[in-house]
Amino acid sequence: MISGIATALFIALFAFGGEYFGWEDPGGRVSTALLAAFVLGVIVGYRFKG
């Protein structure tokens, strides 16, 4: 349940975050930071779950 919400929020931020929040990301740094935060969150969540 929570992982589904987190995935949906990540996809929404990744796809529409620039339009919604107004950030400019010509080099892709914001997108890379979002991806890294999501992946690290998945790894930490998986480690604590088991």
PDB file of N, CA and C in Angstrom:
ATOM      1  N   MET A   1       0.826  -1.197   0.000  1.00  0.00           N
ATOM      2  CA  MET A   1       0.000   0.000   0.000  1.00  0.00           C
ATOM      3  C   MET A   1       0.869   1.259   0.000  1.00  0.00           C
ATOM      4  N   ILE A   2       1.748   1.347   0.967  1.00  0.00           N
ATOM      5  CA  ILE A   2       2.601   2.537   1.065  1.00  0.00           C
ATOM      6  C   ILE A   2       3.558   2.608  -0.113  1.00  0.00           C
ATOM      7  N   SER A   3       4.079   1.464  -0.529  1.00  0.00           N
ATOM      8  CA  SER A   3       5.006   1.486  -1.658  1.00  0.00           C
ATOM      9  C   SER A   3       4.303   1.912  -2.943  1.00  0.00           C
ATOM     10  N   GLY A   4       3.047   1.585  -3.085  1.00  0.00           N
ATOM     11  CA  GLY A   4       2.277   2.028  -4.242  1.00  0.00           C
ATOM     12  C   GLY A   4       2.077   3.533  -4.245  1.00  0.00           C
ATOM     13  N   ILE A   5       1.791   4.091  -3.074  1.00  0.00           N
ATOM     14  CA  ILE A   5       1.645   5.543  -2.957  1.00  0.00           C
ATOM     15  C   ILE A   5       2.968   6.232  -3.255  1.00  0.00           C
ATOM     16  N   ALA A   6       4.051   5.693  -2.711  1.00  0.00           N
ATOM     17  CA  ALA A   6       5.370   6.279  -2.952  1.00  0.00           C
ATOM     18  C   ALA A   6       5.739   6.227  -4.434  1.00  0.00           C
ATOM     19  N   THR A   7       5.428   5.125  -5.081  1.00  0.00           N
ATOM     20  CA  THR A   7       5.713   4.994  -6.511  1.00  0.00           C
ATOM     21  C   THR A   7       4.885   5.983  -7.328  1.00  0.00           C
ATOM     22  N   ALA A   8       3.620   6.130  -6.986  1.00  0.00           N
ATOM     23  CA  ALA A   8       2.763   7.080  -7.694  1.00  0.00           C
ATOM     24  C   ALA A   8       3.255   8.516  -7.502  1.00  0.00           C
ATOM     25  N   LEU A   9       3.646   8.865  -6.289  1.00  0.00           N
ATOM     26  CA  LEU A   9       4.168  10.215  -6.036  1.00  0.00           C
ATOM     27  C   LEU A   9       5.473  10.451  -6.789  1.00  0.00           C
ATOM     28  N   PHE A  10       6.324   9.438  -6.828  1.00  0.00           N
ATOM     29  CA  PHE A  10       7.582   9.584  -7.554  1.00  0.00           C
ATOM     30  C   PHE A  10       7.325   9.811  -9.039  1.00  0.00           C
ATOM     31  N   ILE A  11       6.441   9.031  -9.621  1.00  0.00           N
ATOM     32  CA  ILE A  11       6.143   9.176 -11.043  1.00  0.00           C
ATOM     33  C   ILE A  11       5.537  10.546 -11.320  1.00  0.00           C
ATOM     34  N   ALA A  12       4.639  10.993 -10.450  1.00  0.00           N
ATOM     35  CA  ALA A  12       4.023  12.311 -10.634  1.00  0.00           C
ATOM     36  C   ALA A  12       5.066  13.425 -10.539  1.00  0.00           C
ATOM     37  N   LEU A  13       5.951  13.360  -9.553  1.00  0.00           N
ATOM     38  CA  LEU A  13       6.998  14.375  -9.424  1.00  0.00           C
ATOM     39  C   LEU A  13       7.964  14.329 -10.596  1.00  0.00           C
ATOM     40  N   PHE A  14       8.330  13.143 -10.995  1.00  0.00           N
ATOM     41  CA  PHE A  14       9.278  12.983 -12.089  1.00  0.00           C
ATOM     42  C   PHE A  14       8.699  13.512 -13.395  1.00  0.00           C
ATOM     43  N   ALA A  15       7.414  13.245 -13.631  1.00  0.00           N
ATOM     44  CA  ALA A  15       6.791  13.632 -14.895  1.00  0.00           C
ATOM     45  C   ALA A  15       6.292  15.072 -14.904  1.00  0.00           C
ATOM     46  N   PHE A  16       5.684  15.516 -13.795  1.00  0.00           N
ATOM     47  CA  PHE A  16       5.010  16.811 -13.799  1.00  0.00           C
ATOM     48  C   PHE A  16       5.534  17.789 -12.757  1.00  0.00           C
ATOM     49  N   GLY A  17       6.570  17.433 -12.026  1.00  0.00           N
ATOM     50  CA  GLY A  17       7.085  18.289 -10.956  1.00  0.00           C
ATOM     51  C   GLY A  17       7.589  19.634 -11.444  1.00  0.00           C
ATOM     52  N   GLY A  18       8.267  19.642 -12.578  1.00  0.00           N
ATOM     53  CA  GLY A  18       8.778  20.894 -13.114  1.00  0.00           C
ATOM     54  C   GLY A  18       7.676  21.872 -13.467  1.00  0.00           C
ATOM     55  N   GLU A  19       6.591  21.371 -14.017  1.00  0.00           N
ATOM     56  CA  GLU A  19       5.460  22.225 -14.362  1.00  0.00           C
ATOM     57  C   GLU A  19       4.734  22.698 -13.105  1.00  0.00           C
ATOM     58  N   TYR A  20       4.568  21.808 -12.146  1.00  0.00           N
ATOM     59  CA  TYR A  20       3.798  22.129 -10.946  1.00  0.00           C
ATOM     60  C   TYR A  20       4.553  23.079 -10.019  1.00  0.00           C
ATOM     61  N   PHE A  21       5.845  22.776  -9.768  1.00  0.00           N
ATOM     62  CA  PHE A  21       6.630  23.577  -8.843  1.00  0.00           C
ATOM     63  C   PHE A  21       7.429  24.674  -9.533  1.00  0.00           C
ATOM     64  N   GLY A  22       7.542  24.597 -10.846  1.00  0.00           N
ATOM     65  CA  GLY A  22       8.198  25.644 -11.605  1.00  0.00           C
ATOM     66  C   GLY A  22       9.713  25.579 -11.637  1.00  0.00           C
ATOM     67  N   TRP A  23      10.304  24.432 -11.359  1.00  0.00           N
ATOM     68  CA  TRP A  23      11.760  24.354 -11.425  1.00  0.00           C
ATOM     69  C   TRP A  23      12.201  24.116 -12.857  1.00  0.00           C
ATOM     70  N   GLU A  24      13.371  24.618 -13.161  1.00  0.00           N
ATOM     71  CA  GLU A  24      13.972  24.387 -14.475  1.00  0.00           C
ATOM     72  C   GLU A  24      15.086  23.370 -14.309  1.00  0.00           C
ATOM     73  N   ASP A  25      15.110  22.400 -15.184  1.00  0.00           N
ATOM     74  CA  ASP A  25      16.045  21.278 -15.049  1.00  0.00           C
ATOM     75  C   ASP A  25      16.711  20.974 -16.388  1.00  0.00           C
ATOM     76  N   PRO A  26      17.481  21.938 -16.929  1.00  0.00           N
ATOM     77  CA  PRO A  26      18.078  21.682 -18.246  1.00  0.00           C
ATOM     78  C   PRO A  26      19.135  20.581 -18.229  1.00  0.00           C
ATOM     79  N   GLY A  27      19.850  20.421 -17.119  1.00  0.00           N
ATOM     80  CA  GLY A  27      20.896  19.408 -17.054  1.00  0.00           C
ATOM     81  C   GLY A  27      20.422  18.077 -16.515  1.00  0.00           C
ATOM     82  N   GLY A  28      19.177  18.013 -16.056  1.00  0.00           N
ATOM     83  CA  GLY A  28      18.641  16.770 -15.516  1.00  0.00           C
ATOM     84  C   GLY A  28      19.050  16.485 -14.085  1.00  0.00           C
ATOM     85  N   ARG A  29      19.551  17.475 -13.375  1.00  0.00           N
ATOM     86  CA  ARG A  29      20.027  17.236 -12.000  1.00  0.00           C
ATOM     87  C   ARG A  29      18.890  16.986 -11.024  1.00  0.00           C
ATOM     88  N   VAL A  30      17.791  17.711 -11.171  1.00  0.00           N
ATOM     89  CA  VAL A  30      16.656  17.492 -10.276  1.00  0.00           C
ATOM     90  C   VAL A  30      16.077  16.098 -10.510  1.00  0.00           C
ATOM     91  N   SER A  31      15.945  15.705 -11.753  1.00  0.00           N
ATOM     92  CA  SER A  31      15.431  14.371 -12.070  1.00  0.00           C
ATOM     93  C   SER A  31      16.354  13.283 -11.534  1.00  0.00           C
ATOM     94  N   THR A  32      17.650  13.491 -11.635  1.00  0.00           N
ATOM     95  CA  THR A  32      18.614  12.524 -11.111  1.00  0.00           C
ATOM     96  C   THR A  32      18.525  12.440  -9.593  1.00  0.00           C
ATOM     97  N   ALA A  33      18.361  13.578  -8.934  1.00  0.00           N
ATOM     98  CA  ALA A  33      18.228  13.588  -7.475  1.00  0.00           C
ATOM     99  C   ALA A  33      16.953  12.886  -7.036  1.00  0.00           C
ATOM    100  N   LEU A  34      15.845  13.107  -7.757  1.00  0.00           N
ATOM    101  CA  LEU A  34      14.600  12.408  -7.442  1.00  0.00           C
ATOM    102  C   LEU A  34      14.749  10.901  -7.607  1.00  0.00           C
ATOM    103  N   LEU A  35      15.390  10.495  -8.686  1.00  0.00           N
ATOM    104  CA  LEU A  35      15.603   9.072  -8.932  1.00  0.00           C
ATOM    105  C   LEU A  35      16.490   8.456  -7.848  1.00  0.00           C
ATOM    106  N   ALA A  36      17.566   9.141  -7.484  1.00  0.00           N
ATOM    107  CA  ALA A  36      18.468   8.627  -6.454  1.00  0.00           C
ATOM    108  C   ALA A  36      17.760   8.523  -5.106  1.00  0.00           C
ATOM    109  N   ALA A  37      16.969   9.520  -4.748  1.00  0.00           N
ATOM    110  CA  ALA A  37      16.240   9.480  -3.475  1.00  0.00           C
ATOM    111  C   ALA A  37      15.240   8.329  -3.458  1.00  0.00           C
ATOM    112  N   PHE A  38      14.562   8.105  -4.578  1.00  0.00           N
ATOM    113  CA  PHE A  38      13.595   7.015  -4.647  1.00  0.00           C
ATOM    114  C   PHE A  38      14.284   5.660  -4.527  1.00  0.00           C
ATOM    115  N   VAL A  39      15.359   5.479  -5.269  1.00  0.00           N
ATOM    116  CA  VAL A  39      16.073   4.194  -5.242  1.00  0.00           C
ATOM    117  C   VAL A  39      16.659   3.930  -3.854  1.00  0.00           C
ATOM    118  N   LEU A  40      17.260   4.939  -3.245  1.00  0.00           N
ATOM    119  CA  LEU A  40      17.815   4.753  -1.902  1.00  0.00           C
ATOM    120  C   LEU A  40      16.717   4.480  -0.880  1.00  0.00           C
ATOM    121  N   GLY A  41      15.569   5.118  -1.047  1.00  0.00           N
ATOM    122  CA  GLY A  41      14.442   4.845  -0.163  1.00  0.00           C
ATOM    123  C   GLY A  41      13.946   3.415  -0.302  1.00  0.00           C
ATOM    124  N   VAL A  42      13.916   2.920  -1.516  1.00  0.00           N
ATOM    125  CA  VAL A  42      13.510   1.522  -1.745  1.00  0.00           C
ATOM    126  C   VAL A  42      14.501   0.571  -1.088  1.00  0.00           C
ATOM    127  N   ILE A  43      15.779   0.852  -1.242  1.00  0.00           N
ATOM    128  CA  ILE A  43      16.814  -0.015  -0.652  1.00  0.00           C
ATOM    129  C   ILE A  43      16.722  -0.019   0.862  1.00  0.00           C
ATOM    130  N   VAL A  44      16.601   1.148   1.464  1.00  0.00           N
ATOM    131  CA  VAL A  44      16.509   1.231   2.932  1.00  0.00           C
ATOM    132  C   VAL A  44      15.228   0.569   3.422  1.00  0.00           C
ATOM    133  N   GLY A  45      14.112   0.812   2.737  1.00  0.00           N
ATOM    134  CA  GLY A  45      12.858   0.168   3.124  1.00  0.00           C
ATOM    135  C   GLY A  45      12.928  -1.338   3.035  1.00  0.00           C
ATOM    136  N   TYR A  46      13.568  -1.848   2.001  1.00  0.00           N
ATOM    137  CA  TYR A  46      13.704  -3.289   1.847  1.00  0.00           C
ATOM    138  C   TYR A  46      14.572  -3.888   2.954  1.00  0.00           C
ATOM    139  N   ARG A  47      15.633  -3.174   3.312  1.00  0.00           N
ATOM    140  CA  ARG A  47      16.544  -3.684   4.355  1.00  0.00           C
ATOM    141  C   ARG A  47      15.858  -3.715   5.711  1.00  0.00           C
ATOM    142  N   PHE A  48      15.063  -2.697   6.027  1.00  0.00           N
ATOM    143  CA  PHE A  48      14.392  -2.656   7.329  1.00  0.00           C
ATOM    144  C   PHE A  48      13.181  -3.567   7.386  1.00  0.00           C
ATOM    145  N   LYS A  49      12.611  -3.878   6.240  1.00  0.00           N
ATOM    146  CA  LYS A  49      11.455  -4.760   6.208  1.00  0.00           C
ATOM    147  C   LYS A  49      11.869  -6.187   6.562  1.00  0.00           C
ATOM    148  N   GLY A  50      13.019  -6.596   6.073  1.00  0.00           N
ATOM    149  CA  GLY A  50      13.482  -7.970   6.286  1.00  0.00           C
ATOM    150  C   GLY A  50      14.201  -8.090   7.547  1.00  0.00           C
TER     151      GLY A  50
END
